[in-house]
């Protein structure tokens, strides 16, 4: 491809160059189709990931709301005191090996 073909072969060289370019364009189009199919087949885009994160954040906020309501109701009805609740939370926090404000063990008691 290039000026050498055009110089040596004239119009035929130019037609060969056009054919090469058409083949390259077709190959790129097939690659783009494959990428599109991958996205449609479940590969996530940044927009999909953003929507998923937004949904998870909303669910987390709702869970916190219900947990806060449950804890406050238990304390208000004198089922448990705030001190007892704090002691249980601290014990569970330590039970997974690290007192870090997180819990990765099973929810049901052993």
PDB file of N, CA and C in Angstrom:
ATOM      1  N   UNK A   1       0.844  -1.164   0.000  1.00  0.00           N
ATOM      2  CA  UNK A   1       0.000   0.000   0.000  1.00  0.00           C
ATOM      3  C   UNK A   1       0.896   1.236   0.000  1.00  0.00           C
ATOM      4  N   UNK A   2       0.450   2.276  -0.679  1.00  0.00           N
ATOM      5  CA  UNK A   2       1.160   3.516  -0.630  1.00  0.00           C
ATOM      6  C   UNK A   2       1.526   4.057  -2.005  1.00  0.00           C
ATOM      7  N   UNK A   3       2.423   5.025  -2.004  1.00  0.00           N
ATOM      8  CA  UNK A   3       2.770   5.716  -3.237  1.00  0.00           C
ATOM      9  C   UNK A   3       3.510   4.809  -4.208  1.00  0.00           C
ATOM     10  N   UNK A   4       4.195   3.753  -3.699  1.00  0.00           N
ATOM     11  CA  UNK A   4       4.922   2.840  -4.583  1.00  0.00           C
ATOM     12  C   UNK A   4       3.980   2.119  -5.525  1.00  0.00           C
ATOM     13  N   UNK A   5       2.898   1.619  -5.013  1.00  0.00           N
ATOM     14  CA  UNK A   5       1.910   0.947  -5.866  1.00  0.00           C
ATOM     15  C   UNK A   5       1.342   1.919  -6.892  1.00  0.00           C
ATOM     16  N   UNK A   6       1.011   3.116  -6.423  1.00  0.00           N
ATOM     17  CA  UNK A   6       0.411   4.112  -7.314  1.00  0.00           C
ATOM     18  C   UNK A   6       1.389   4.475  -8.417  1.00  0.00           C
ATOM     19  N   UNK A   7       2.656   4.661  -8.068  1.00  0.00           N
ATOM     20  CA  UNK A   7       3.664   5.052  -9.040  1.00  0.00           C
ATOM     21  C   UNK A   7       3.913   3.938 -10.045  1.00  0.00           C
ATOM     22  N   UNK A   8       4.038   2.715  -9.549  1.00  0.00           N
ATOM     23  CA  UNK A   8       4.370   1.598 -10.428  1.00  0.00           C
ATOM     24  C   UNK A   8       3.157   1.025 -11.150  1.00  0.00           C
ATOM     25  N   UNK A   9       2.015   0.970 -10.494  1.00  0.00           N
ATOM     26  CA  UNK A   9       0.859   0.281 -11.069  1.00  0.00           C
ATOM     27  C   UNK A   9      -0.265   1.227 -11.483  1.00  0.00           C
ATOM     28  N   UNK A  10      -0.156   2.496 -11.136  1.00  0.00           N
ATOM     29  CA  UNK A  10      -1.172   3.464 -11.528  1.00  0.00           C
ATOM     30  C   UNK A  10      -2.513   3.175 -10.869  1.00  0.00           C
ATOM     31  N   UNK A  11      -3.557   3.161 -11.703  1.00  0.00           N
ATOM     32  CA  UNK A  11      -4.918   2.964 -11.213  1.00  0.00           C
ATOM     33  C   UNK A  11      -5.084   1.609 -10.532  1.00  0.00           C
ATOM     34  N   UNK A  12      -4.407   0.572 -11.047  1.00  0.00           N
ATOM     35  CA  UNK A  12      -4.499  -0.754 -10.439  1.00  0.00           C
ATOM     36  C   UNK A  12      -3.939  -0.713  -9.021  1.00  0.00           C
ATOM     37  N   UNK A  13      -2.819  -0.029  -8.813  1.00  0.00           N
ATOM     38  CA  UNK A  13      -2.230   0.108  -7.479  1.00  0.00           C
ATOM     39  C   UNK A  13      -3.150   0.835  -6.539  1.00  0.00           C
ATOM     40  N   UNK A  14      -3.812   1.876  -7.076  1.00  0.00           N
ATOM     41  CA  UNK A  14      -4.752   2.619  -6.258  1.00  0.00           C
ATOM     42  C   UNK A  14      -5.929   1.724  -5.859  1.00  0.00           C
ATOM     43  N   UNK A  15      -6.430   0.916  -6.758  1.00  0.00           N
ATOM     44  CA  UNK A  15      -7.524   0.002  -6.459  1.00  0.00           C
ATOM     45  C   UNK A  15      -7.102  -1.032  -5.414  1.00  0.00           C
ATOM     46  N   UNK A  16      -5.847  -1.498  -5.511  1.00  0.00           N
ATOM     47  CA  UNK A  16      -5.339  -2.436  -4.504  1.00  0.00           C
ATOM     48  C   UNK A  16      -5.296  -1.781  -3.131  1.00  0.00           C
ATOM     49  N   UNK A  17      -4.853  -0.519  -3.085  1.00  0.00           N
ATOM     50  CA  UNK A  17      -4.823   0.220  -1.814  1.00  0.00           C
ATOM     51  C   UNK A  17      -6.238   0.361  -1.241  1.00  0.00           C
ATOM     52  N   UNK A  18      -7.205   0.683  -2.090  1.00  0.00           N
ATOM     53  CA  UNK A  18      -8.592   0.814  -1.645  1.00  0.00           C
ATOM     54  C   UNK A  18      -9.103  -0.514  -1.104  1.00  0.00           C
ATOM     55  N   UNK A  19      -8.762  -1.602  -1.771  1.00  0.00           N
ATOM     56  CA  UNK A  19      -9.165  -2.928  -1.301  1.00  0.00           C
ATOM     57  C   UNK A  19      -8.577  -3.250   0.060  1.00  0.00           C
ATOM     58  N   UNK A  20      -7.273  -2.918   0.245  1.00  0.00           N
ATOM     59  CA  UNK A  20      -6.627  -3.154   1.544  1.00  0.00           C
ATOM     60  C   UNK A  20      -7.316  -2.358   2.650  1.00  0.00           C
ATOM     61  N   UNK A  21      -7.631  -1.092   2.349  1.00  0.00           N
ATOM     62  CA  UNK A  21      -8.296  -0.255   3.346  1.00  0.00           C
ATOM     63  C   UNK A  21      -9.696  -0.777   3.668  1.00  0.00           C
ATOM     64  N   UNK A  22     -10.410  -1.225   2.658  1.00  0.00           N
ATOM     65  CA  UNK A  22     -11.747  -1.772   2.890  1.00  0.00           C
ATOM     66  C   UNK A  22     -11.673  -3.012   3.774  1.00  0.00           C
ATOM     67  N   UNK A  23     -10.680  -3.870   3.535  1.00  0.00           N
ATOM     68  CA  UNK A  23     -10.503  -5.065   4.362  1.00  0.00           C
ATOM     69  C   UNK A  23     -10.201  -4.676   5.812  1.00  0.00           C
ATOM     70  N   UNK A  24      -9.345  -3.668   6.007  1.00  0.00           N
ATOM     71  CA  UNK A  24      -9.020  -3.209   7.364  1.00  0.00           C
ATOM     72  C   UNK A  24     -10.248  -2.634   8.063  1.00  0.00           C
ATOM     73  N   UNK A  25     -11.057  -1.864   7.338  1.00  0.00           N
ATOM     74  CA  UNK A  25     -12.272  -1.283   7.917  1.00  0.00           C
ATOM     75  C   UNK A  25     -13.242  -2.389   8.313  1.00  0.00           C
ATOM     76  N   UNK A  26     -13.391  -3.395   7.460  1.00  0.00           N
ATOM     77  CA  UNK A  26     -14.278  -4.520   7.781  1.00  0.00           C
ATOM     78  C   UNK A  26     -13.802  -5.275   9.014  1.00  0.00           C
ATOM     79  N   UNK A  27     -12.494  -5.458   9.126  1.00  0.00           N
ATOM     80  CA  UNK A  27     -11.953  -6.156  10.301  1.00  0.00           C
ATOM     81  C   UNK A  27     -12.230  -5.351  11.566  1.00  0.00           C
ATOM     82  N   UNK A  28     -12.035  -4.042  11.524  1.00  0.00           N
ATOM     83  CA  UNK A  28     -12.319  -3.195  12.686  1.00  0.00           C
ATOM     84  C   UNK A  28     -13.808  -3.235  13.044  1.00  0.00           C
ATOM     85  N   UNK A  29     -14.674  -3.258  12.024  1.00  0.00           N
ATOM     86  CA  UNK A  29     -16.118  -3.331  12.277  1.00  0.00           C
ATOM     87  C   UNK A  29     -16.471  -4.644  12.970  1.00  0.00           C
ATOM     88  N   UNK A  30     -15.850  -5.757  12.544  1.00  0.00           N
ATOM     89  CA  UNK A  30     -16.111  -7.048  13.199  1.00  0.00           C
ATOM     90  C   UNK A  30     -15.639  -7.024  14.649  1.00  0.00           C
ATOM     91  N   UNK A  31     -14.476  -6.419  14.908  1.00  0.00           N
ATOM     92  CA  UNK A  31     -13.976  -6.315  16.281  1.00  0.00           C
ATOM     93  C   UNK A  31     -14.925  -5.475  17.135  1.00  0.00           C
ATOM     94  N   UNK A  32     -15.441  -4.394  16.579  1.00  0.00           N
ATOM     95  CA  UNK A  32     -16.389  -3.551  17.304  1.00  0.00           C
ATOM     96  C   UNK A  32     -17.666  -4.320  17.607  1.00  0.00           C
ATOM     97  N   UNK A  33     -18.142  -5.116  16.658  1.00  0.00           N
ATOM     98  CA  UNK A  33     -19.321  -5.955  16.899  1.00  0.00           C
ATOM     99  C   UNK A  33     -19.076  -6.926  18.042  1.00  0.00           C
ATOM    100  N   UNK A  34     -17.877  -7.512  18.093  1.00  0.00           N
ATOM    101  CA  UNK A  34     -17.551  -8.439  19.188  1.00  0.00           C
ATOM    102  C   UNK A  34     -17.572  -7.718  20.532  1.00  0.00           C
ATOM    103  N   UNK A  35     -17.029  -6.505  20.571  1.00  0.00           N
ATOM    104  CA  UNK A  35     -17.039  -5.725  21.812  1.00  0.00           C
ATOM    105  C   UNK A  35     -18.478  -5.438  22.220  1.00  0.00           C
ATOM    106  N   UNK A  36     -19.314  -5.029  21.255  1.00  0.00           N
ATOM    107  CA  UNK A  36     -20.724  -4.757  21.556  1.00  0.00           C
ATOM    108  C   UNK A  36     -21.415  -6.002  22.091  1.00  0.00           C
ATOM    109  N   UNK A  37     -21.148  -7.161  21.498  1.00  0.00           N
ATOM    110  CA  UNK A  37     -21.756  -8.411  21.956  1.00  0.00           C
ATOM    111  C   UNK A  37     -21.313  -8.738  23.372  1.00  0.00           C
ATOM    112  N   UNK A  38     -20.043  -8.474  23.708  1.00  0.00           N
ATOM    113  CA  UNK A  38     -19.559  -8.723  25.071  1.00  0.00           C
ATOM    114  C   UNK A  38     -20.293  -7.849  26.078  1.00  0.00           C
ATOM    115  N   UNK A  39     -20.535  -6.599  25.720  1.00  0.00           N
ATOM    116  CA  UNK A  39     -21.269  -5.697  26.616  1.00  0.00           C
ATOM    117  C   UNK A  39     -22.693  -6.211  26.792  1.00  0.00           C
ATOM    118  N   UNK A  40     -23.322  -6.621  25.700  1.00  0.00           N
ATOM    119  CA  UNK A  40     -24.689  -7.130  25.782  1.00  0.00           C
ATOM    120  C   UNK A  40     -24.767  -8.452  26.531  1.00  0.00           C
ATOM    121  N   UNK A  41     -23.672  -9.224  26.497  1.00  0.00           N
ATOM    122  CA  UNK A  41     -23.677 -10.549  27.125  1.00  0.00           C
ATOM    123  C   UNK A  41     -23.403 -10.491  28.624  1.00  0.00           C
ATOM    124  N   UNK A  42     -23.321  -9.319  29.198  1.00  0.00           N
ATOM    125  CA  UNK A  42     -23.182  -9.248  30.642  1.00  0.00           C
ATOM    126  C   UNK A  42     -21.941  -8.522  31.124  1.00  0.00           C
ATOM    127  N   UNK A  43     -21.057  -8.144  30.246  1.00  0.00           N
ATOM    128  CA  UNK A  43     -19.917  -7.353  30.681  1.00  0.00           C
ATOM    129  C   UNK A  43     -20.455  -5.982  31.069  1.00  0.00           C
ATOM    130  N   UNK A  44     -20.055  -5.510  32.204  1.00  0.00           N
ATOM    131  CA  UNK A  44     -20.656  -4.307  32.749  1.00  0.00           C
ATOM    132  C   UNK A  44     -19.921  -3.048  32.300  1.00  0.00           C
ATOM    133  N   UNK A  45     -20.686  -2.040  32.006  1.00  0.00           N
ATOM    134  CA  UNK A  45     -20.122  -0.742  31.671  1.00  0.00           C
ATOM    135  C   UNK A  45     -20.010   0.078  32.963  1.00  0.00           C
ATOM    136  N   UNK A  46     -19.317   1.178  32.870  1.00  0.00           N
ATOM    137  CA  UNK A  46     -19.185   2.054  34.045  1.00  0.00           C
ATOM    138  C   UNK A  46     -20.554   2.540  34.503  1.00  0.00           C
ATOM    139  N   UNK A  47     -21.449   2.803  33.547  1.00  0.00           N
ATOM    140  CA  UNK A  47     -22.795   3.262  33.898  1.00  0.00           C
ATOM    141  C   UNK A  47     -23.553   2.168  34.660  1.00  0.00           C
ATOM    142  N   UNK A  48     -23.413   0.903  34.212  1.00  0.00           N
ATOM    143  CA  UNK A  48     -24.060  -0.211  34.911  1.00  0.00           C
ATOM    144  C   UNK A  48     -23.527  -0.330  36.331  1.00  0.00           C
ATOM    145  N   UNK A  49     -22.224  -0.221  36.485  1.00  0.00           N
ATOM    146  CA  UNK A  49     -21.598  -0.332  37.802  1.00  0.00           C
ATOM    147  C   UNK A  49     -22.062   0.808  38.700  1.00  0.00           C
ATOM    148  N   UNK A  50     -22.167   2.009  38.144  1.00  0.00           N
ATOM    149  CA  UNK A  50     -22.657   3.151  38.916  1.00  0.00           C
ATOM    150  C   UNK A  50     -24.075   2.944  39.413  1.00  0.00           C
ATOM    151  N   UNK A  51     -24.936   2.412  38.532  1.00  0.00           N
ATOM    152  CA  UNK A  51     -26.319   2.141  38.947  1.00  0.00           C
ATOM    153  C   UNK A  51     -26.361   1.077  40.036  1.00  0.00           C
ATOM    154  N   UNK A  52     -25.522   0.051  39.899  1.00  0.00           N
ATOM    155  CA  UNK A  52     -25.482  -1.004  40.911  1.00  0.00           C
ATOM    156  C   UNK A  52     -25.028  -0.437  42.249  1.00  0.00           C
ATOM    157  N   UNK A  53     -24.006   0.406  42.235  1.00  0.00           N
ATOM    158  CA  UNK A  53     -23.531   1.019  43.478  1.00  0.00           C
ATOM    159  C   UNK A  53     -24.607   1.899  44.107  1.00  0.00           C
ATOM    160  N   UNK A  54     -25.315   2.654  43.278  1.00  0.00           N
ATOM    161  CA  UNK A  54     -26.406   3.495  43.800  1.00  0.00           C
ATOM    162  C   UNK A  54     -27.475   2.636  44.466  1.00  0.00           C
ATOM    163  N   UNK A  55     -27.838   1.519  43.823  1.00  0.00           N
ATOM    164  CA  UNK A  55     -28.851   0.615  44.377  1.00  0.00           C
ATOM    165  C   UNK A  55     -28.375   0.008  45.695  1.00  0.00           C
ATOM    166  N   UNK A  56     -27.106  -0.425  45.732  1.00  0.00           N
ATOM    167  CA  UNK A  56     -26.569  -1.014  46.961  1.00  0.00           C
ATOM    168  C   UNK A  56     -26.512   0.008  48.093  1.00  0.00           C
ATOM    169  N   UNK A  57     -26.168   1.241  47.754  1.00  0.00           N
ATOM    170  CA  UNK A  57     -26.132   2.290  48.777  1.00  0.00           C
ATOM    171  C   UNK A  57     -27.530   2.537  49.338  1.00  0.00           C
ATOM    172  N   UNK A  58     -28.535   2.564  48.473  1.00  0.00           N
ATOM    173  CA  UNK A  58     -29.920   2.765  48.934  1.00  0.00           C
ATOM    174  C   UNK A  58     -30.358   1.601  49.822  1.00  0.00           C
ATOM    175  N   UNK A  59     -30.018   0.371  49.417  1.00  0.00           N
ATOM    176  CA  UNK A  59     -30.374  -0.793  50.235  1.00  0.00           C
ATOM    177  C   UNK A  59     -29.679  -0.731  51.594  1.00  0.00           C
ATOM    178  N   UNK A  60     -28.418  -0.333  51.607  1.00  0.00           N
ATOM    179  CA  UNK A  60     -27.671  -0.234  52.859  1.00  0.00           C
ATOM    180  C   UNK A  60     -28.304   0.810  53.780  1.00  0.00           C
ATOM    181  N   UNK A  61     -28.716   1.939  53.216  1.00  0.00           N
ATOM    182  CA  UNK A  61     -29.352   2.979  54.019  1.00  0.00           C
ATOM    183  C   UNK A  61     -30.679   2.482  54.603  1.00  0.00           C
ATOM    184  N   UNK A  62     -31.420   1.705  53.809  1.00  0.00           N
ATOM    185  CA  UNK A  62     -32.688   1.158  54.309  1.00  0.00           C
ATOM    186  C   UNK A  62     -32.436   0.146  55.423  1.00  0.00           C
ATOM    187  N   UNK A  63     -31.435  -0.697  55.264  1.00  0.00           N
ATOM    188  CA  UNK A  63     -31.089  -1.658  56.325  1.00  0.00           C
ATOM    189  C   UNK A  63     -30.695  -0.940  57.608  1.00  0.00           C
ATOM    190  N   UNK A  64     -29.914   0.127  57.483  1.00  0.00           N
ATOM    191  CA  UNK A  64     -29.522   0.893  58.664  1.00  0.00           C
ATOM    192  C   UNK A  64     -30.745   1.501  59.348  1.00  0.00           C
ATOM    193  N   UNK A  65     -31.692   1.964  58.553  1.00  0.00           N
ATOM    194  CA  UNK A  65     -32.917   2.538  59.094  1.00  0.00           C
ATOM    195  C   UNK A  65     -33.677   1.503  59.922  1.00  0.00           C
ATOM    196  N   UNK A  66     -33.867   0.306  59.362  1.00  0.00           N
ATOM    197  CA  UNK A  66     -34.599  -0.741  60.078  1.00  0.00           C
ATOM    198  C   UNK A  66     -33.830  -1.240  61.294  1.00  0.00           C
ATOM    199  N   UNK A  67     -32.513  -1.320  61.195  1.00  0.00           N
ATOM    200  CA  UNK A  67     -31.703  -1.735  62.345  1.00  0.00           C
ATOM    201  C   UNK A  67     -31.819  -0.700  63.463  1.00  0.00           C
ATOM    202  N   UNK A  68     -31.719   0.579  63.109  1.00  0.00           N
ATOM    203  CA  UNK A  68     -31.834   1.633  64.123  1.00  0.00           C
ATOM    204  C   UNK A  68     -33.210   1.591  64.788  1.00  0.00           C
ATOM    205  N   UNK A  69     -34.250   1.379  63.988  1.00  0.00           N
ATOM    206  CA  UNK A  69     -35.601   1.305  64.555  1.00  0.00           C
ATOM    207  C   UNK A  69     -35.728   0.114  65.493  1.00  0.00           C
ATOM    208  N   UNK A  70     -35.174  -1.022  65.106  1.00  0.00           N
ATOM    209  CA  UNK A  70     -35.256  -2.234  65.933  1.00  0.00           C
ATOM    210  C   UNK A  70     -34.510  -2.035  67.250  1.00  0.00           C
ATOM    211  N   UNK A  71     -33.305  -1.501  67.165  1.00  0.00           N
ATOM    212  CA  UNK A  71     -32.510  -1.293  68.380  1.00  0.00           C
ATOM    213  C   UNK A  71     -33.214  -0.304  69.313  1.00  0.00           C
ATOM    214  N   UNK A  72     -33.698   0.786  68.766  1.00  0.00           N
ATOM    215  CA  UNK A  72     -34.369   1.789  69.604  1.00  0.00           C
ATOM    216  C   UNK A  72     -35.647   1.230  70.238  1.00  0.00           C
ATOM    217  N   UNK A  73     -36.364   0.398  69.495  1.00  0.00           N
ATOM    218  CA  UNK A  73     -37.572  -0.215  70.046  1.00  0.00           C
ATOM    219  C   UNK A  73     -37.219  -1.165  71.190  1.00  0.00           C
ATOM    220  N   UNK A  74     -36.157  -1.971  71.003  1.00  0.00           N
ATOM    221  CA  UNK A  74     -35.734  -2.901  72.060  1.00  0.00           C
ATOM    222  C   UNK A  74     -35.315  -2.148  73.324  1.00  0.00           C
ATOM    223  N   UNK A  75     -34.595  -1.043  73.146  1.00  0.00           N
ATOM    224  CA  UNK A  75     -34.177  -0.248  74.305  1.00  0.00           C
ATOM    225  C   UNK A  75     -35.389   0.435  74.936  1.00  0.00           C
ATOM    226  N   UNK A  76     -36.278   0.990  74.148  1.00  0.00           N
ATOM    227  CA  UNK A  76     -37.459   1.686  74.672  1.00  0.00           C
ATOM    228  C   UNK A  76     -38.377   0.741  75.435  1.00  0.00           C
ATOM    229  N   UNK A  77     -38.470  -0.507  75.025  1.00  0.00           N
ATOM    230  CA  UNK A  77     -39.333  -1.486  75.696  1.00  0.00           C
ATOM    231  C   UNK A  77     -38.593  -2.215  76.814  1.00  0.00           C
ATOM    232  N   UNK A  78     -37.386  -1.757  77.127  1.00  0.00           N
ATOM    233  CA  UNK A  78     -36.554  -2.326  78.187  1.00  0.00           C
ATOM    234  C   UNK A  78     -36.257  -3.817  77.984  1.00  0.00           C
ATOM    235  N   UNK A  79     -36.172  -4.228  76.723  1.00  0.00           N
ATOM    236  CA  UNK A  79     -35.765  -5.601  76.431  1.00  0.00           C
ATOM    237  C   UNK A  79     -34.259  -5.718  76.637  1.00  0.00           C
ATOM    238  N   UNK A  80     -33.550  -4.660  76.322  1.00  0.00           N
ATOM    239  CA  UNK A  80     -32.103  -4.605  76.500  1.00  0.00           C
ATOM    240  C   UNK A  80     -31.738  -3.149  76.801  1.00  0.00           C
ATOM    241  N   UNK A  81     -30.700  -2.974  77.604  1.00  0.00           N
ATOM    242  CA  UNK A  81     -30.245  -1.605  77.878  1.00  0.00           C
ATOM    243  C   UNK A  81     -29.194  -1.233  76.830  1.00  0.00           C
ATOM    244  N   UNK A  82     -28.970   0.058  76.699  1.00  0.00           N
ATOM    245  CA  UNK A  82     -27.955   0.532  75.760  1.00  0.00           C
ATOM    246  C   UNK A  82     -26.580  -0.029  76.135  1.00  0.00           C
ATOM    247  N   UNK A  83     -26.301  -0.147  77.443  1.00  0.00           N
ATOM    248  CA  UNK A  83     -25.018  -0.693  77.909  1.00  0.00           C
ATOM    249  C   UNK A  83     -24.887  -2.163  77.531  1.00  0.00           C
ATOM    250  N   UNK A  84     -25.961  -2.939  77.726  1.00  0.00           N
ATOM    251  CA  UNK A  84     -25.929  -4.357  77.347  1.00  0.00           C
ATOM    252  C   UNK A  84     -25.733  -4.516  75.833  1.00  0.00           C
ATOM    253  N   UNK A  85     -26.424  -3.684  75.098  1.00  0.00           N
ATOM    254  CA  UNK A  85     -26.303  -3.742  73.638  1.00  0.00           C
ATOM    255  C   UNK A  85     -24.880  -3.430  73.193  1.00  0.00           C
ATOM    256  N   UNK A  86     -24.285  -2.397  73.795  1.00  0.00           N
ATOM    257  CA  UNK A  86     -22.901  -2.032  73.448  1.00  0.00           C
ATOM    258  C   UNK A  86     -21.955  -3.177  73.784  1.00  0.00           C
ATOM    259  N   UNK A  87     -22.160  -3.838  74.908  1.00  0.00           N
ATOM    260  CA  UNK A  87     -21.308  -4.966  75.307  1.00  0.00           C
ATOM    261  C   UNK A  87     -21.434  -6.120  74.316  1.00  0.00           C
ATOM    262  N   UNK A  88     -22.653  -6.403  73.862  1.00  0.00           N
ATOM    263  CA  UNK A  88     -22.872  -7.481  72.887  1.00  0.00           C
ATOM    264  C   UNK A  88     -22.200  -7.128  71.561  1.00  0.00           C
ATOM    265  N   UNK A  89     -22.360  -5.891  71.120  1.00  0.00           N
ATOM    266  CA  UNK A  89     -21.742  -5.451  69.863  1.00  0.00           C
ATOM    267  C   UNK A  89     -20.226  -5.590  69.949  1.00  0.00           C
ATOM    268  N   UNK A  90     -19.645  -5.138  71.060  1.00  0.00           N
ATOM    269  CA  UNK A  90     -18.185  -5.254  71.234  1.00  0.00           C
ATOM    270  C   UNK A  90     -17.738  -6.716  71.236  1.00  0.00           C
ATOM    271  N   UNK A  91     -18.493  -7.580  71.882  1.00  0.00           N
ATOM    272  CA  UNK A  91     -18.149  -8.998  71.930  1.00  0.00           C
ATOM    273  C   UNK A  91     -18.196  -9.627  70.531  1.00  0.00           C
ATOM    274  N   UNK A  92     -19.241  -9.322  69.793  1.00  0.00           N
ATOM    275  CA  UNK A  92     -19.362  -9.860  68.428  1.00  0.00           C
ATOM    276  C   UNK A  92     -18.261  -9.289  67.533  1.00  0.00           C
ATOM    277  N   UNK A  93     -17.957  -8.033  67.700  1.00  0.00           N
ATOM    278  CA  UNK A  93     -16.893  -7.398  66.907  1.00  0.00           C
ATOM    279  C   UNK A  93     -15.568  -8.127  67.104  1.00  0.00           C
ATOM    280  N   UNK A  94     -15.270  -8.470  68.346  1.00  0.00           N
ATOM    281  CA  UNK A  94     -14.003  -9.166  68.646  1.00  0.00           C
ATOM    282  C   UNK A  94     -14.036 -10.638  68.221  1.00  0.00           C
ATOM    283  N   UNK A  95     -15.214 -11.221  68.104  1.00  0.00           N
ATOM    284  CA  UNK A  95     -15.325 -12.668  67.875  1.00  0.00           C
ATOM    285  C   UNK A  95     -14.794 -13.120  66.516  1.00  0.00           C
ATOM    286  N   UNK A  96     -14.673 -12.220  65.549  1.00  0.00           N
ATOM    287  CA  UNK A  96     -14.133 -12.633  64.257  1.00  0.00           C
ATOM    288  C   UNK A  96     -12.622 -12.423  64.169  1.00  0.00           C
ATOM    289  N   UNK A  97     -12.038 -12.104  65.314  1.00  0.00           N
ATOM    290  CA  UNK A  97     -10.579 -12.004  65.380  1.00  0.00           C
ATOM    291  C   UNK A  97     -10.030 -10.595  65.398  1.00  0.00           C
ATOM    292  N   UNK A  98     -10.840  -9.606  65.061  1.00  0.00           N
ATOM    293  CA  UNK A  98     -10.356  -8.228  65.021  1.00  0.00           C
ATOM    294  C   UNK A  98     -11.441  -7.288  65.519  1.00  0.00           C
ATOM    295  N   UNK A  99     -11.090  -6.420  66.469  1.00  0.00           N
ATOM    296  CA  UNK A  99     -12.024  -5.400  66.942  1.00  0.00           C
ATOM    297  C   UNK A  99     -11.871  -4.185  66.030  1.00  0.00           C
ATOM    298  N   UNK A 100     -12.652  -4.182  64.927  1.00  0.00           N
ATOM    299  CA  UNK A 100     -12.488  -3.128  63.931  1.00  0.00           C
ATOM    300  C   UNK A 100     -13.804  -2.469  63.506  1.00  0.00           C
ATOM    301  N   UNK A 101     -14.879  -2.750  64.256  1.00  0.00           N
ATOM    302  CA  UNK A 101     -16.164  -2.183  63.901  1.00  0.00           C
ATOM    303  C   UNK A 101     -16.840  -2.903  62.748  1.00  0.00           C
ATOM    304  N   UNK A 102     -16.318  -4.092  62.414  1.00  0.00           N
ATOM    305  CA  UNK A 102     -16.888  -4.902  61.334  1.00  0.00           C
ATOM    306  C   UNK A 102     -17.074  -6.319  61.844  1.00  0.00           C
ATOM    307  N   UNK A 103     -17.873  -7.100  61.136  1.00  0.00           N
ATOM    308  CA  UNK A 103     -18.080  -8.487  61.518  1.00  0.00           C
ATOM    309  C   UNK A 103     -18.187  -9.340  60.269  1.00  0.00           C
ATOM    310  N   UNK A 104     -17.359 -10.347  60.173  1.00  0.00           N
ATOM    311  CA  UNK A 104     -17.374 -11.208  58.978  1.00  0.00           C
ATOM    312  C   UNK A 104     -17.779 -12.637  59.282  1.00  0.00           C
ATOM    313  N   UNK A 105     -18.215 -12.895  60.516  1.00  0.00           N
ATOM    314  CA  UNK A 105     -18.630 -14.251  60.896  1.00  0.00           C
ATOM    315  C   UNK A 105     -20.084 -14.503  60.579  1.00  0.00           C
ATOM    316  N   UNK A 106     -20.588 -15.657  61.000  1.00  0.00           N
ATOM    317  CA  UNK A 106     -22.001 -15.985  60.771  1.00  0.00           C
ATOM    318  C   UNK A 106     -22.915 -15.124  61.638  1.00  0.00           C
ATOM    319  N   UNK A 107     -24.099 -14.835  61.135  1.00  0.00           N
ATOM    320  CA  UNK A 107     -25.051 -14.000  61.869  1.00  0.00           C
ATOM    321  C   UNK A 107     -25.699 -14.787  63.007  1.00  0.00           C
ATOM    322  N   UNK A 108     -26.056 -16.030  62.741  1.00  0.00           N
ATOM    323  CA  UNK A 108     -26.700 -16.853  63.773  1.00  0.00           C
ATOM    324  C   UNK A 108     -25.674 -17.200  64.848  1.00  0.00           C
ATOM    325  N   UNK A 109     -26.096 -17.213  66.129  1.00  0.00           N
ATOM    326  CA  UNK A 109     -25.150 -17.551  67.212  1.00  0.00           C
ATOM    327  C   UNK A 109     -24.674 -19.003  67.069  1.00  0.00           C
ATOM    328  N   UNK A 110     -23.445 -19.243  67.531  1.00  0.00           N
ATOM    329  CA  UNK A 110     -22.891 -20.615  67.425  1.00  0.00           C
ATOM    330  C   UNK A 110     -23.631 -21.596  68.323  1.00  0.00           C
TER     331      UNK A 110
END
